[in-house]
Amino acid sequence: MQIYGLDFTSAPSLKKPITCAKCRLAGGALHLEAITALESFPAFEDFLAQPGSWVAGLDFPFGQPRKLVENLVWPETWAGYVSLLSVGGRTGSPTTGLTRSEFDNLLRDYRAARPKGDKQHLRRTDKLAGSRSPMMMSGVPVGKMFFEGAPRLLASSASILPCNPQDDPRVLLEAYPRLVARRWIGDAGYKTDDRRRQTLDKQYARAGILRGLRSPEAAEYYGFTIHFAPWTETFIDDGSGDELDALLCAVQAAWAYSQPAGNYSIPASCDPLEGWIVDPLLFT
């Protein structure tokens, strides 16, 4: 099976592209075949439209917390509220709808009216994974990633699990590479876009993640061996961690695909309106 892992950004460019790891899962082994850069949203849309049978893990929140959706009186289906967003590119999204600045202002006004300690909600999967609120529009702007990513997923007509299942051989899953890294290095930092903070400690942490992925423990944990030898130095030298994160997303997607129950590791109790991060730690 063709497996992809994508490290996403809300503003892809030549300098900071969406990074894609192309892998092949066969015979109990995941082989990294190529790393490519998607330098624009049209390039990302072309990736989503490619034919064939494949599974991709993408590093951004597919959905918003149910509490936010209900309080804003949005449609109570994932496709319904994602359709309210208007983005550029070739997505076929509505010409009328919330622009990114309007979405940002809406969340800012919402937070301002909320009591302290209840301003940025978490999805159930965020609570389990220790990930940030998809309402965040600054710092680590996962809210911007949701705004730019989710409508493009919807427009692709691929099967988006568990948010919008379709009878389509292209399967899109939400990944969170920090969970893979955490298994090998705990909460140690291993990446940053700030060159001044790209220290030896983070380089050593990336090397520790790679050692973990090559270990017998990883093969037992994920159910397959992981092969990436030609890119080892690239991963260690890349202080941003984008290439490594793309591989980690592919590992999560491959693990989800290989689950014997055929449910991509997504529990029946999850809320499809919110979405779900695929990882062994969250398979309960």
Protein backbone atom coordinates (compact mmCIF):
# COMPACT_ATOMS: atom_id res chain seq x y z
CA MET A 1 0.00 0.00 0.00
CA GLN A 2 1.19 3.51 -0.80
CA ILE A 3 1.45 5.53 2.41
CA TYR A 4 2.02 9.28 2.68
CA GLY A 5 2.87 11.52 5.59
CA LEU A 6 2.44 15.29 5.29
CA ASP A 7 3.84 17.96 7.57
CA PHE A 8 1.37 20.80 6.96
CA THR A 9 1.69 24.58 7.04
CA SER A 10 -0.97 27.25 6.74
CA ALA A 11 1.14 29.29 4.30
CA PRO A 12 3.18 26.99 2.02
CA SER A 13 6.06 28.58 0.14
CA LEU A 14 9.45 27.78 -1.34
CA LYS A 15 11.02 28.48 2.05
CA LYS A 16 8.41 26.62 4.13
CA PRO A 17 6.56 24.08 1.98
CA ILE A 18 4.14 21.34 2.93
CA THR A 19 6.55 18.41 3.26
CA CYS A 20 5.45 15.02 1.94
CA ALA A 21 7.02 11.64 2.75
CA LYS A 22 6.13 8.97 0.20
CA CYS A 23 6.38 5.45 1.60
CA ARG A 24 5.49 1.90 0.66
CA LEU A 25 4.09 -0.57 3.20
CA ALA A 26 4.61 -4.18 2.12
CA GLY A 27 5.85 -7.43 3.62
CA GLY A 28 5.89 -6.14 7.18
CA ALA A 29 8.10 -3.15 6.32
CA LEU A 30 7.54 0.56 5.72
CA HIS A 31 10.05 1.94 3.21
CA LEU A 32 10.56 5.66 2.69
CA GLU A 33 10.78 6.20 -1.07
CA ALA A 34 10.91 9.98 -1.50
CA ILE A 35 10.50 13.32 0.23
CA THR A 36 8.89 16.09 -1.81
CA ALA A 37 7.94 19.72 -1.21
CA LEU A 38 4.48 21.10 -1.99
CA GLU A 39 5.17 24.80 -2.27
CA SER A 40 1.61 26.06 -2.76
CA PHE A 41 -1.97 25.14 -2.00
CA PRO A 42 -2.65 24.24 -5.66
CA ALA A 43 0.21 21.72 -5.37
CA PHE A 44 -1.43 20.34 -2.21
CA GLU A 45 -4.76 20.08 -4.03
CA ASP A 46 -3.04 18.23 -6.87
CA PHE A 47 -1.64 15.79 -4.31
CA LEU A 48 -5.11 15.15 -2.87
CA ALA A 49 -6.54 14.62 -6.37
CA GLN A 50 -4.01 12.00 -7.46
CA PRO A 51 -5.73 8.73 -8.38
CA GLY A 52 -5.05 5.32 -6.96
CA SER A 53 -5.39 3.52 -3.67
CA TRP A 54 -3.42 5.23 -0.90
CA VAL A 55 -3.52 6.36 2.72
CA ALA A 56 -2.17 9.69 4.00
CA GLY A 57 -1.56 11.01 7.50
CA LEU A 58 -1.71 14.81 7.71
CA ASP A 59 -0.41 16.90 10.60
CA PHE A 60 -3.21 19.37 11.27
CA PRO A 61 -6.55 19.25 13.11
CA PHE A 62 -9.32 18.11 10.76
CA GLY A 63 -12.09 19.45 13.01
CA GLN A 64 -13.10 21.85 15.76
CA PRO A 65 -14.36 21.00 19.26
CA ARG A 66 -18.05 20.08 19.46
CA LYS A 67 -18.49 22.67 22.20
CA LEU A 68 -17.43 25.45 19.82
CA VAL A 69 -19.61 24.16 16.98
CA GLU A 70 -22.67 23.97 19.22
CA ASN A 71 -22.10 27.35 20.85
CA LEU A 72 -21.72 29.03 17.44
CA VAL A 73 -24.86 27.21 16.22
CA TRP A 74 -22.97 25.81 13.24
CA PRO A 75 -24.23 22.76 11.33
CA GLU A 76 -23.67 19.69 13.49
CA THR A 77 -21.88 17.69 10.81
CA TRP A 78 -18.24 18.03 9.85
CA ALA A 79 -19.00 18.66 6.17
CA GLY A 80 -21.69 21.15 7.14
CA TYR A 81 -19.54 23.47 9.22
CA VAL A 82 -16.40 23.09 7.07
CA SER A 83 -18.53 24.23 4.12
CA LEU A 84 -18.95 27.58 5.90
CA LEU A 85 -15.29 28.40 5.26
CA SER A 86 -14.18 30.21 2.11
CA VAL A 87 -10.58 29.65 1.03
CA GLY A 88 -8.59 30.50 -2.08
CA GLY A 89 -7.17 28.12 -4.67
CA ARG A 90 -8.97 25.52 -6.73
CA THR A 91 -11.00 23.91 -3.95
CA GLY A 92 -14.48 24.62 -5.20
CA SER A 93 -15.28 26.15 -1.81
CA PRO A 94 -18.08 28.75 -1.63
CA THR A 95 -17.38 32.22 -2.92
CA THR A 96 -19.30 33.52 0.07
CA GLY A 97 -18.39 32.39 3.55
CA LEU A 98 -15.91 33.08 6.28
CA THR A 99 -12.53 34.34 5.10
CA ARG A 100 -9.47 33.56 7.21
CA SER A 101 -9.49 37.02 8.79
CA GLU A 102 -13.20 36.70 9.53
CA PHE A 103 -12.65 33.26 11.05
CA ASP A 104 -9.83 34.71 13.17
CA ASN A 105 -12.06 37.58 14.33
CA LEU A 106 -14.92 35.21 15.10
CA LEU A 107 -12.72 33.09 17.36
CA ARG A 108 -11.21 36.18 18.99
CA ASP A 109 -14.67 37.56 19.82
CA TYR A 110 -15.78 34.15 21.04
CA ARG A 111 -12.82 33.85 23.39
CA ALA A 112 -13.32 37.39 24.69
CA ALA A 113 -16.87 36.53 25.77
CA ARG A 114 -15.87 33.32 27.54
CA PRO A 115 -14.92 33.03 31.23
CA LYS A 116 -11.30 32.56 32.18
CA GLY A 117 -10.20 28.94 31.80
CA ASP A 118 -12.86 28.20 29.18
CA LYS A 119 -11.72 30.22 26.19
CA GLN A 120 -10.01 27.65 23.94
CA HIS A 121 -11.69 24.27 23.89
CA LEU A 122 -10.11 20.90 23.23
CA ARG A 123 -11.48 17.97 21.32
CA ARG A 124 -11.51 14.61 23.07
CA THR A 125 -8.59 13.46 20.90
CA ASP A 126 -6.60 16.59 21.86
CA LYS A 127 -7.05 15.82 25.54
CA LEU A 128 -5.77 12.29 25.05
CA ALA A 129 -2.88 13.30 22.78
CA GLY A 130 -1.80 16.41 24.66
CA SER A 131 -2.20 18.46 21.48
CA ARG A 132 -3.16 22.12 21.20
CA SER A 133 -6.64 23.49 20.73
CA PRO A 134 -7.62 23.73 17.04
CA MET A 135 -8.95 27.19 17.92
CA MET A 136 -5.38 28.55 18.25
CA MET A 137 -4.67 31.19 15.60
CA SER A 138 -1.28 32.36 16.88
CA GLY A 139 1.86 30.80 18.35
CA VAL A 140 1.49 27.34 16.85
CA PRO A 141 -1.38 28.38 14.53
CA VAL A 142 -3.21 25.07 14.23
CA GLY A 143 -6.46 26.99 13.78
CA LYS A 144 -5.07 28.50 10.59
CA MET A 145 -4.00 25.03 9.47
CA PHE A 146 -7.56 23.78 10.05
CA PHE A 147 -9.00 26.70 8.10
CA GLU A 148 -6.75 26.13 5.10
CA GLY A 149 -6.65 22.35 5.24
CA ALA A 150 -10.13 21.08 6.09
CA PRO A 151 -12.03 22.69 3.16
CA ARG A 152 -9.45 21.31 0.75
CA LEU A 153 -9.90 17.84 2.19
CA LEU A 154 -13.67 18.16 1.80
CA ALA A 155 -13.32 19.35 -1.82
CA SER A 156 -11.04 16.41 -2.67
CA SER A 157 -13.91 13.88 -2.34
CA ALA A 158 -11.47 11.46 -0.67
CA SER A 159 -12.54 9.43 2.36
CA ILE A 160 -11.80 11.55 5.45
CA LEU A 161 -11.90 9.40 8.57
CA PRO A 162 -13.86 9.61 10.76
CA CYS A 163 -15.22 13.00 9.70
CA ASN A 164 -16.55 12.31 6.22
CA PRO A 165 -16.25 8.65 5.11
CA GLN A 166 -16.63 8.03 1.38
CA ASP A 167 -16.48 5.06 -0.94
CA ASP A 168 -13.07 6.14 -2.25
CA PRO A 169 -9.68 4.34 -2.23
CA ARG A 170 -7.94 7.53 -1.10
CA VAL A 171 -8.02 7.70 2.70
CA LEU A 172 -7.06 10.78 4.74
CA LEU A 173 -6.21 10.49 8.45
CA GLU A 174 -5.25 13.05 11.06
CA ALA A 175 -1.72 12.53 12.40
CA TYR A 176 0.26 14.12 15.23
CA PRO A 177 3.99 13.34 14.91
CA ARG A 178 4.79 14.53 18.43
CA LEU A 179 3.17 11.33 19.73
CA VAL A 180 5.66 9.18 17.81
CA ALA A 181 8.58 11.33 18.92
CA ARG A 182 7.38 11.29 22.53
CA ARG A 183 7.72 7.52 22.70
CA TRP A 184 11.49 7.80 22.15
CA ILE A 185 12.49 11.16 23.66
CA GLY A 186 9.69 12.05 26.06
CA ASP A 187 8.84 15.75 26.06
CA ALA A 188 12.27 16.90 24.85
CA GLY A 189 12.23 19.45 22.05
CA TYR A 190 13.51 18.24 18.70
CA LYS A 191 12.65 20.97 16.18
CA THR A 192 12.16 24.70 15.66
CA ASP A 193 11.93 27.07 12.70
CA ASP A 194 14.01 29.62 14.63
CA ARG A 195 17.59 29.04 13.48
CA ARG A 196 18.94 30.64 16.66
CA ARG A 197 17.29 27.85 18.68
CA GLN A 198 18.36 24.95 16.48
CA THR A 199 20.74 23.57 19.09
CA LEU A 200 22.78 20.41 19.42
CA ASP A 201 20.33 19.18 22.05
CA LYS A 202 17.55 19.17 19.46
CA GLN A 203 19.83 17.49 16.95
CA TYR A 204 20.61 14.76 19.48
CA ALA A 205 16.87 14.40 20.13
CA ARG A 206 16.20 13.85 16.41
CA ALA A 207 18.93 11.22 16.36
CA GLY A 208 17.25 9.57 19.35
CA ILE A 209 13.93 9.43 17.50
CA LEU A 210 15.63 7.77 14.53
CA ARG A 211 17.32 5.20 16.76
CA GLY A 212 13.93 4.43 18.26
CA LEU A 213 12.31 3.97 14.84
CA ARG A 214 15.03 1.47 13.85
CA SER A 215 14.74 -0.53 17.08
CA PRO A 216 13.10 -3.94 17.55
CA GLU A 217 10.75 -2.23 20.00
CA ALA A 218 9.39 -0.02 17.21
CA ALA A 219 8.83 -3.02 14.95
CA GLU A 220 6.88 -4.76 17.70
CA TYR A 221 4.96 -1.61 18.64
CA TYR A 222 3.85 -0.63 15.13
CA GLY A 223 3.80 -4.08 13.58
CA PHE A 224 6.36 -3.35 10.85
CA THR A 225 9.99 -2.33 10.46
CA ILE A 226 10.77 1.22 9.32
CA HIS A 227 13.43 1.88 6.66
CA PHE A 228 14.79 5.35 5.87
CA ALA A 229 18.59 4.96 5.82
CA PRO A 230 19.38 7.29 2.84
CA TRP A 231 17.66 10.19 4.66
CA THR A 232 19.20 9.70 8.10
CA GLU A 233 21.63 12.62 7.87
CA THR A 234 18.95 14.81 6.28
CA PHE A 235 16.66 14.21 9.24
CA ILE A 236 19.41 14.87 11.76
CA ASP A 237 20.58 18.06 10.03
CA ASP A 238 17.13 19.57 9.42
CA GLY A 239 16.55 21.79 12.44
CA SER A 240 12.96 22.54 11.43
CA GLY A 241 12.07 18.86 11.73
CA ASP A 242 9.70 19.09 8.74
CA GLU A 243 11.10 16.08 6.87
CA LEU A 244 11.21 13.99 10.03
CA ASP A 245 7.66 14.96 10.99
CA ALA A 246 6.44 13.91 7.54
CA LEU A 247 7.95 10.46 8.10
CA LEU A 248 6.40 10.23 11.57
CA CYS A 249 2.99 11.05 10.07
CA ALA A 250 3.50 8.23 7.57
CA VAL A 251 4.33 5.84 10.42
CA GLN A 252 1.05 6.70 12.13
CA ALA A 253 -0.91 6.33 8.87
CA ALA A 254 0.73 2.97 8.13
CA TRP A 255 -0.03 1.71 11.62
CA ALA A 256 -3.68 2.79 11.30
CA TYR A 257 -4.03 1.14 7.89
CA SER A 258 -2.55 -2.14 9.15
CA GLN A 259 -5.03 -2.61 12.01
CA PRO A 260 -6.73 -5.99 11.61
CA ALA A 261 -10.20 -4.70 12.51
CA GLY A 262 -10.19 -2.55 9.36
CA ASN A 263 -11.25 0.56 11.30
CA TYR A 264 -7.96 2.47 10.92
CA SER A 265 -7.56 2.43 14.72
CA ILE A 266 -10.46 4.87 15.17
CA PRO A 267 -12.64 3.89 18.15
CA ALA A 268 -16.37 3.63 17.63
CA SER A 269 -16.87 6.09 20.51
CA CYS A 270 -15.08 8.97 18.74
CA ASP A 271 -17.04 12.03 17.59
CA PRO A 272 -16.88 12.34 13.78
CA LEU A 273 -17.73 16.02 14.05
CA GLU A 274 -14.41 16.60 15.84
CA GLY A 275 -12.09 14.09 14.16
CA TRP A 276 -9.50 11.72 15.59
CA ILE A 277 -5.69 11.47 15.73
CA VAL A 278 -4.46 8.00 14.76
CA ASP A 279 -1.79 6.57 17.06
CA PRO A 280 -1.41 3.45 19.24
CA LEU A 281 -1.52 5.60 22.37
CA LEU A 282 -5.06 6.73 21.51
CA PHE A 283 -6.40 3.35 20.43
CA THR A 284 -8.66 2.66 23.39
